[in-house]
Amino acid sequence: MNAKGDRLGEGMAATNNLAPGQKLVTQAQGLDATSGKVTCKITDVSRYQAP
């Protein structure tokens, strides 16, 4: 979202072996070009049991 709250696009990020409560810094990949200061909102999380 931009400073006005407008949605700029969608992106996706994934990781493996993240423990409950552990934090991660990553980059999301998307198809929309953005510039300037933006904020992200997580809308869905999928978690799978380790084998």
C-alpha atoms as a PDB file:
ATOM      1  CA  MET A   1       0.000   0.000   0.000  1.00  0.00           C
ATOM      2  CA  ASN A   2       1.085   3.531  -0.607  1.00  0.00           C
ATOM      3  CA  ALA A   3       0.779   6.397   1.872  1.00  0.00           C
ATOM      4  CA  LYS A   4      -2.883   6.932   0.845  1.00  0.00           C
ATOM      5  CA  GLY A   5      -3.723   3.273   1.516  1.00  0.00           C
ATOM      6  CA  ASP A   6      -4.074   2.325  -2.161  1.00  0.00           C
ATOM      7  CA  ARG A   7      -3.300  -1.285  -3.026  1.00  0.00           C
ATOM      8  CA  LEU A   8      -0.345  -1.441  -5.411  1.00  0.00           C
ATOM      9  CA  GLY A   9      -0.190  -5.159  -6.221  1.00  0.00           C
ATOM     10  CA  GLU A  10       0.328  -8.656  -4.841  1.00  0.00           C
ATOM     11  CA  GLY A  11       3.449 -10.649  -4.082  1.00  0.00           C
ATOM     12  CA  MET A  12       4.473 -13.972  -2.598  1.00  0.00           C
ATOM     13  CA  ALA A  13       7.315 -15.104  -0.371  1.00  0.00           C
ATOM     14  CA  ALA A  14       8.161 -18.587   0.942  1.00  0.00           C
ATOM     15  CA  THR A  15      10.651 -20.161   3.327  1.00  0.00           C
ATOM     16  CA  ASN A  16      11.443 -23.540   4.874  1.00  0.00           C
ATOM     17  CA  ASN A  17      12.238 -24.614   8.438  1.00  0.00           C
ATOM     18  CA  LEU A  18      10.811 -21.614  10.278  1.00  0.00           C
ATOM     19  CA  ALA A  19      10.040 -22.500  13.888  1.00  0.00           C
ATOM     20  CA  PRO A  20       6.952 -21.178  15.742  1.00  0.00           C
ATOM     21  CA  GLY A  21       7.678 -17.662  17.012  1.00  0.00           C
ATOM     22  CA  GLN A  22      10.771 -17.307  14.811  1.00  0.00           C
ATOM     23  CA  LYS A  23      11.012 -14.166  12.646  1.00  0.00           C
ATOM     24  CA  LEU A  24      12.141 -13.856   9.047  1.00  0.00           C
ATOM     25  CA  VAL A  25      13.067 -10.939   6.793  1.00  0.00           C
ATOM     26  CA  THR A  26      12.563 -11.720   3.106  1.00  0.00           C
ATOM     27  CA  GLN A  27      11.551 -10.156  -0.199  1.00  0.00           C
ATOM     28  CA  ALA A  28       8.213 -10.866  -1.833  1.00  0.00           C
ATOM     29  CA  GLN A  29       8.068 -11.379  -5.596  1.00  0.00           C
ATOM     30  CA  GLY A  30       5.267  -9.827  -7.621  1.00  0.00           C
ATOM     31  CA  LEU A  31       4.369  -8.743 -11.143  1.00  0.00           C
ATOM     32  CA  ASP A  32       3.609  -5.078 -10.400  1.00  0.00           C
ATOM     33  CA  ALA A  33       6.387  -2.467 -10.407  1.00  0.00           C
ATOM     34  CA  THR A  34       6.318  -0.154  -7.375  1.00  0.00           C
ATOM     35  CA  SER A  35       8.433   2.724  -6.187  1.00  0.00           C
ATOM     36  CA  GLY A  36       8.625   4.988  -3.172  1.00  0.00           C
ATOM     37  CA  LYS A  37       7.730   4.024   0.372  1.00  0.00           C
ATOM     38  CA  VAL A  38       5.300   1.100   0.557  1.00  0.00           C
ATOM     39  CA  THR A  39       4.001  -1.128   3.355  1.00  0.00           C
ATOM     40  CA  CYS A  40       2.995  -4.778   3.138  1.00  0.00           C
ATOM     41  CA  LYS A  41       0.086  -6.643   4.685  1.00  0.00           C
ATOM     42  CA  ILE A  42       0.157 -10.432   5.153  1.00  0.00           C
ATOM     43  CA  THR A  43      -3.192 -11.851   4.076  1.00  0.00           C
ATOM     44  CA  ASP A  44      -2.565 -15.609   4.136  1.00  0.00           C
ATOM     45  CA  VAL A  45      -0.123 -18.048   5.740  1.00  0.00           C
ATOM     46  CA  SER A  46       0.184 -21.764   5.031  1.00  0.00           C
ATOM     47  CA  ARG A  47       2.136 -23.960   7.423  1.00  0.00           C
ATOM     48  CA  TYR A  48       2.980 -27.615   6.867  1.00  0.00           C
ATOM     49  CA  GLN A  49       4.187 -30.187   9.367  1.00  0.00           C
ATOM     50  CA  ALA A  50       7.836 -31.159   9.048  1.00  0.00           C
ATOM     51  CA  PRO A  51       8.420 -34.730   7.829  1.00  0.00           C
END
